[in-house]
Amino acid sequence: MISVRDPLVIHASAVATDHGALALIGPAGCGKSTLAASFVLSGADTLIADDSILVRLAGPSPCLVGAYTRSRLRPDSFGALGFDAQSIHGGIPVGGKHVLEFAPGQRVPSAPMAIRGLFLLHQAPSDQQSIEVWHLTGTAAVIALIKNSFLLAPSDHDLLRRQFEAATALIRTGCPCYALTYPKRFADLPHVRDRILTVLGH
């Protein structure tokens, strides 16, 4: 519903790091929540949002606003990341997922945070052994954002136009946008985090 007012609401998890805020974008099941939770559990990062972010372009640089600060993990991710349903607040399965509150009472950040990088998660081939990151620019970046955006009324031409214009304006700001694919092995998550932070640092 927010997309009626603000046209760029993206299916993404977001994390605040020492390098700035990053968004992990992609369809359901691509690993957004698991990777975001892995960042938080590493100790240095804070969950801004799980599942959706609002992008705002007012001001000198594009910013994101989080909508949901609890992490929702499938049982395999929940166990692999070392959670214990009996010992963590909010570890109750809802709709087949565990809903986790990393900091009980934590509020959604009220101030928009500058975006340091957007990462589009792609499904890796079953035989992939390496972490691959490549820069998305122009049309490819705009289309990737639109494919992963929420839209309440897809037949509304005015909303479609505003969404396209917002995605185009975001890419024109120079906000870095990358495609990311990696082996879906929980043991590789620290390496994926390191690769993302290295890209952001550059």
Protein backbone atom coordinates (compact mmCIF):
# COMPACT_ATOMS: atom_id res chain seq x y z
CA MET A 1 0.00 0.00 0.00
CA ILE A 2 2.92 2.33 0.69
CA SER A 3 3.91 2.04 -2.98
CA VAL A 4 0.85 4.11 -3.90
CA ARG A 5 2.48 7.08 -2.17
CA ASP A 6 6.17 6.21 -2.55
CA PRO A 7 6.71 4.30 -5.78
CA LEU A 8 9.88 2.36 -4.93
CA VAL A 9 9.19 -0.26 -2.26
CA ILE A 10 11.64 -3.10 -2.83
CA HIS A 11 11.55 -6.75 -1.79
CA ALA A 12 14.75 -6.67 0.25
CA SER A 13 16.47 -7.09 3.59
CA ALA A 14 18.78 -4.31 4.74
CA VAL A 15 21.73 -4.13 7.11
CA ALA A 16 23.70 -1.22 8.55
CA THR A 17 27.46 -1.88 8.38
CA ASP A 18 30.59 0.14 9.10
CA HIS A 19 30.61 0.99 5.38
CA GLY A 20 26.99 2.17 5.39
CA ALA A 21 23.60 0.61 4.66
CA LEU A 22 23.29 -2.19 2.15
CA ALA A 23 20.21 -3.81 0.67
CA LEU A 24 19.96 -7.50 -0.22
CA ILE A 25 17.33 -7.74 -2.95
CA GLY A 26 15.57 -10.70 -4.51
CA PRO A 27 12.52 -12.96 -4.64
CA ALA A 28 11.30 -15.16 -1.79
CA GLY A 29 13.65 -18.01 -1.00
CA CYS A 30 16.80 -16.46 -2.49
CA GLY A 31 18.52 -16.10 0.89
CA LYS A 32 17.97 -12.43 1.80
CA SER A 33 16.90 -13.04 5.39
CA THR A 34 19.55 -15.68 6.04
CA LEU A 35 22.37 -13.49 4.75
CA ALA A 36 21.07 -10.45 6.65
CA ALA A 37 20.82 -12.48 9.87
CA SER A 38 24.36 -13.72 9.28
CA PHE A 39 25.57 -10.11 9.12
CA VAL A 40 23.83 -9.31 12.41
CA LEU A 41 25.19 -12.40 14.15
CA SER A 42 28.73 -11.43 13.10
CA GLY A 43 28.44 -8.78 15.81
CA ALA A 44 29.25 -5.59 13.93
CA ASP A 45 26.09 -4.99 11.97
CA THR A 46 22.46 -4.03 12.64
CA LEU A 47 19.32 -5.25 10.94
CA ILE A 48 17.44 -2.35 9.36
CA ALA A 49 14.72 -4.35 7.67
CA ASP A 50 13.67 -7.83 6.67
CA ASP A 51 11.55 -8.42 3.58
CA SER A 52 10.96 -4.84 2.39
CA ILE A 53 12.53 -1.41 2.19
CA LEU A 54 11.32 1.97 1.02
CA VAL A 55 13.75 3.98 -1.11
CA ARG A 56 13.62 7.76 -0.94
CA LEU A 57 15.47 10.04 -3.34
CA ALA A 58 15.03 13.41 -1.61
CA GLY A 59 18.31 14.93 -0.45
CA PRO A 60 21.92 14.61 -1.63
CA SER A 61 21.94 10.80 -1.83
CA PRO A 62 19.38 7.98 -2.01
CA CYS A 63 18.24 6.62 1.35
CA LEU A 64 16.35 3.60 2.56
CA VAL A 65 13.78 3.19 5.29
CA GLY A 66 13.19 -0.17 6.93
CA ALA A 67 9.72 -1.52 7.47
CA TYR A 68 10.19 -4.68 9.54
CA THR A 69 13.10 -5.23 11.95
CA ARG A 70 12.44 -8.82 12.92
CA SER A 71 14.10 -11.59 10.95
CA ARG A 72 12.04 -14.46 9.57
CA LEU A 73 14.04 -17.61 8.96
CA ARG A 74 13.17 -21.01 7.57
CA PRO A 75 13.94 -23.94 9.90
CA ASP A 76 17.13 -24.95 8.04
CA SER A 77 18.58 -21.43 8.27
CA PHE A 78 17.41 -21.11 11.87
CA GLY A 79 19.33 -24.22 12.87
CA ALA A 80 22.40 -23.64 10.71
CA LEU A 81 22.93 -20.16 12.14
CA GLY A 82 22.98 -21.62 15.64
CA PHE A 83 19.66 -20.48 17.05
CA ASP A 84 17.86 -22.42 19.78
CA ALA A 85 14.07 -22.04 19.79
CA GLN A 86 14.01 -22.46 23.58
CA SER A 87 16.59 -19.78 24.33
CA ILE A 88 15.92 -16.87 21.99
CA HIS A 89 13.17 -14.29 22.29
CA GLY A 90 10.67 -14.52 19.49
CA GLY A 91 11.86 -17.89 18.16
CA ILE A 92 8.33 -19.14 17.51
CA PRO A 93 7.49 -20.60 14.10
CA VAL A 94 4.95 -18.47 12.21
CA GLY A 95 3.85 -19.64 8.79
CA GLY A 96 6.68 -22.16 8.71
CA LYS A 97 9.34 -19.58 9.69
CA HIS A 98 10.93 -18.56 12.97
CA VAL A 99 10.39 -14.89 13.77
CA LEU A 100 13.41 -13.48 15.58
CA GLU A 101 13.82 -10.20 17.40
CA PHE A 102 17.56 -9.65 17.76
CA ALA A 103 17.10 -6.69 20.09
CA PRO A 104 13.81 -6.94 22.02
CA GLY A 105 12.03 -3.60 21.94
CA GLN A 106 14.09 -2.36 18.99
CA ARG A 107 12.23 0.22 16.96
CA VAL A 108 12.26 0.61 13.21
CA PRO A 109 14.91 3.28 12.46
CA SER A 110 13.02 6.55 12.18
CA ALA A 111 15.58 8.34 10.01
CA PRO A 112 16.31 7.25 6.43
CA MET A 113 19.81 5.81 6.00
CA ALA A 114 22.06 6.53 3.03
CA ILE A 115 22.40 3.53 0.71
CA ARG A 116 25.98 2.34 0.23
CA GLY A 117 25.12 -0.51 -2.13
CA LEU A 118 22.34 -2.62 -3.63
CA PHE A 119 22.95 -6.35 -4.11
CA LEU A 120 20.60 -8.39 -6.32
CA LEU A 121 20.75 -12.03 -5.20
CA HIS A 122 20.63 -14.57 -8.03
CA GLN A 123 20.12 -18.31 -7.75
CA ALA A 124 23.47 -20.06 -8.13
CA PRO A 125 23.85 -23.15 -10.33
CA SER A 126 24.06 -26.34 -8.30
CA ASP A 127 27.72 -26.82 -9.25
CA GLN A 128 28.86 -23.26 -8.50
CA GLN A 129 31.84 -23.14 -6.15
CA SER A 130 32.77 -19.46 -6.11
CA ILE A 131 31.24 -16.14 -5.06
CA GLU A 132 30.50 -13.98 -8.10
CA VAL A 133 29.76 -10.24 -8.00
CA TRP A 134 29.29 -8.01 -11.02
CA HIS A 135 28.24 -4.41 -11.48
CA LEU A 136 24.77 -3.68 -12.87
CA THR A 137 24.26 -0.41 -14.70
CA GLY A 138 21.68 1.34 -16.85
CA THR A 139 18.73 -0.63 -18.14
CA ALA A 140 19.80 -3.90 -16.50
CA ALA A 141 19.86 -2.27 -13.06
CA VAL A 142 16.52 -0.50 -13.55
CA ILE A 143 14.78 -3.68 -14.72
CA ALA A 144 16.24 -5.67 -11.80
CA LEU A 145 14.86 -3.13 -9.32
CA ILE A 146 11.41 -3.07 -10.94
CA LYS A 147 11.25 -6.89 -11.01
CA ASN A 148 11.81 -6.90 -7.26
CA SER A 149 9.50 -4.03 -6.31
CA PHE A 150 6.05 -4.14 -4.76
CA LEU A 151 3.14 -2.61 -6.66
CA LEU A 152 -0.39 -2.59 -5.26
CA ALA A 153 -2.15 -1.99 -8.58
CA PRO A 154 -0.04 -3.29 -11.50
CA SER A 155 -2.69 -2.15 -13.99
CA ASP A 156 -2.42 1.47 -12.84
CA HIS A 157 -0.39 3.18 -15.57
CA ASP A 158 0.38 6.20 -13.41
CA LEU A 159 1.85 4.00 -10.67
CA LEU A 160 3.86 2.05 -13.24
CA ARG A 161 5.25 5.25 -14.71
CA ARG A 162 6.20 6.65 -11.30
CA GLN A 163 7.84 3.38 -10.30
CA PHE A 164 9.88 3.30 -13.51
CA GLU A 165 10.90 6.93 -13.06
CA ALA A 166 11.91 6.32 -9.43
CA ALA A 167 14.01 3.26 -10.31
CA THR A 168 15.67 5.17 -13.14
CA ALA A 169 16.35 8.17 -10.88
CA LEU A 170 17.91 5.88 -8.26
CA ILE A 171 20.37 4.39 -10.75
CA ARG A 172 21.16 7.83 -12.18
CA THR A 173 22.32 8.98 -8.74
CA GLY A 174 25.23 6.59 -9.14
CA CYS A 175 24.07 4.37 -6.28
CA PRO A 176 26.14 1.18 -6.73
CA CYS A 177 24.08 -1.79 -7.85
CA TYR A 178 25.52 -5.31 -8.06
CA ALA A 179 24.40 -8.80 -8.93
CA LEU A 180 25.55 -11.44 -6.45
CA THR A 181 25.52 -15.19 -6.72
CA TYR A 182 27.17 -17.70 -4.41
CA PRO A 183 27.00 -21.38 -3.41
CA LYS A 184 24.05 -21.91 -1.09
CA ARG A 185 26.14 -23.41 1.68
CA PHE A 186 25.77 -22.05 5.18
CA ALA A 187 29.49 -22.54 5.81
CA ASP A 188 30.24 -20.04 3.03
CA LEU A 189 28.22 -17.17 4.55
CA PRO A 190 31.26 -15.56 6.28
CA HIS A 191 33.04 -15.48 2.91
CA VAL A 192 29.98 -13.94 1.25
CA ARG A 193 29.84 -11.24 3.94
CA ASP A 194 33.54 -10.51 3.50
CA ARG A 195 33.15 -10.23 -0.26
CA ILE A 196 30.23 -7.81 0.08
CA LEU A 197 32.10 -5.65 2.58
CA THR A 198 35.17 -5.63 0.35
CA VAL A 199 33.04 -4.40 -2.56
CA LEU A 200 31.49 -1.71 -0.37
CA GLY A 201 34.89 -0.65 0.92
CA HIS A 202 36.06 -0.01 -2.63
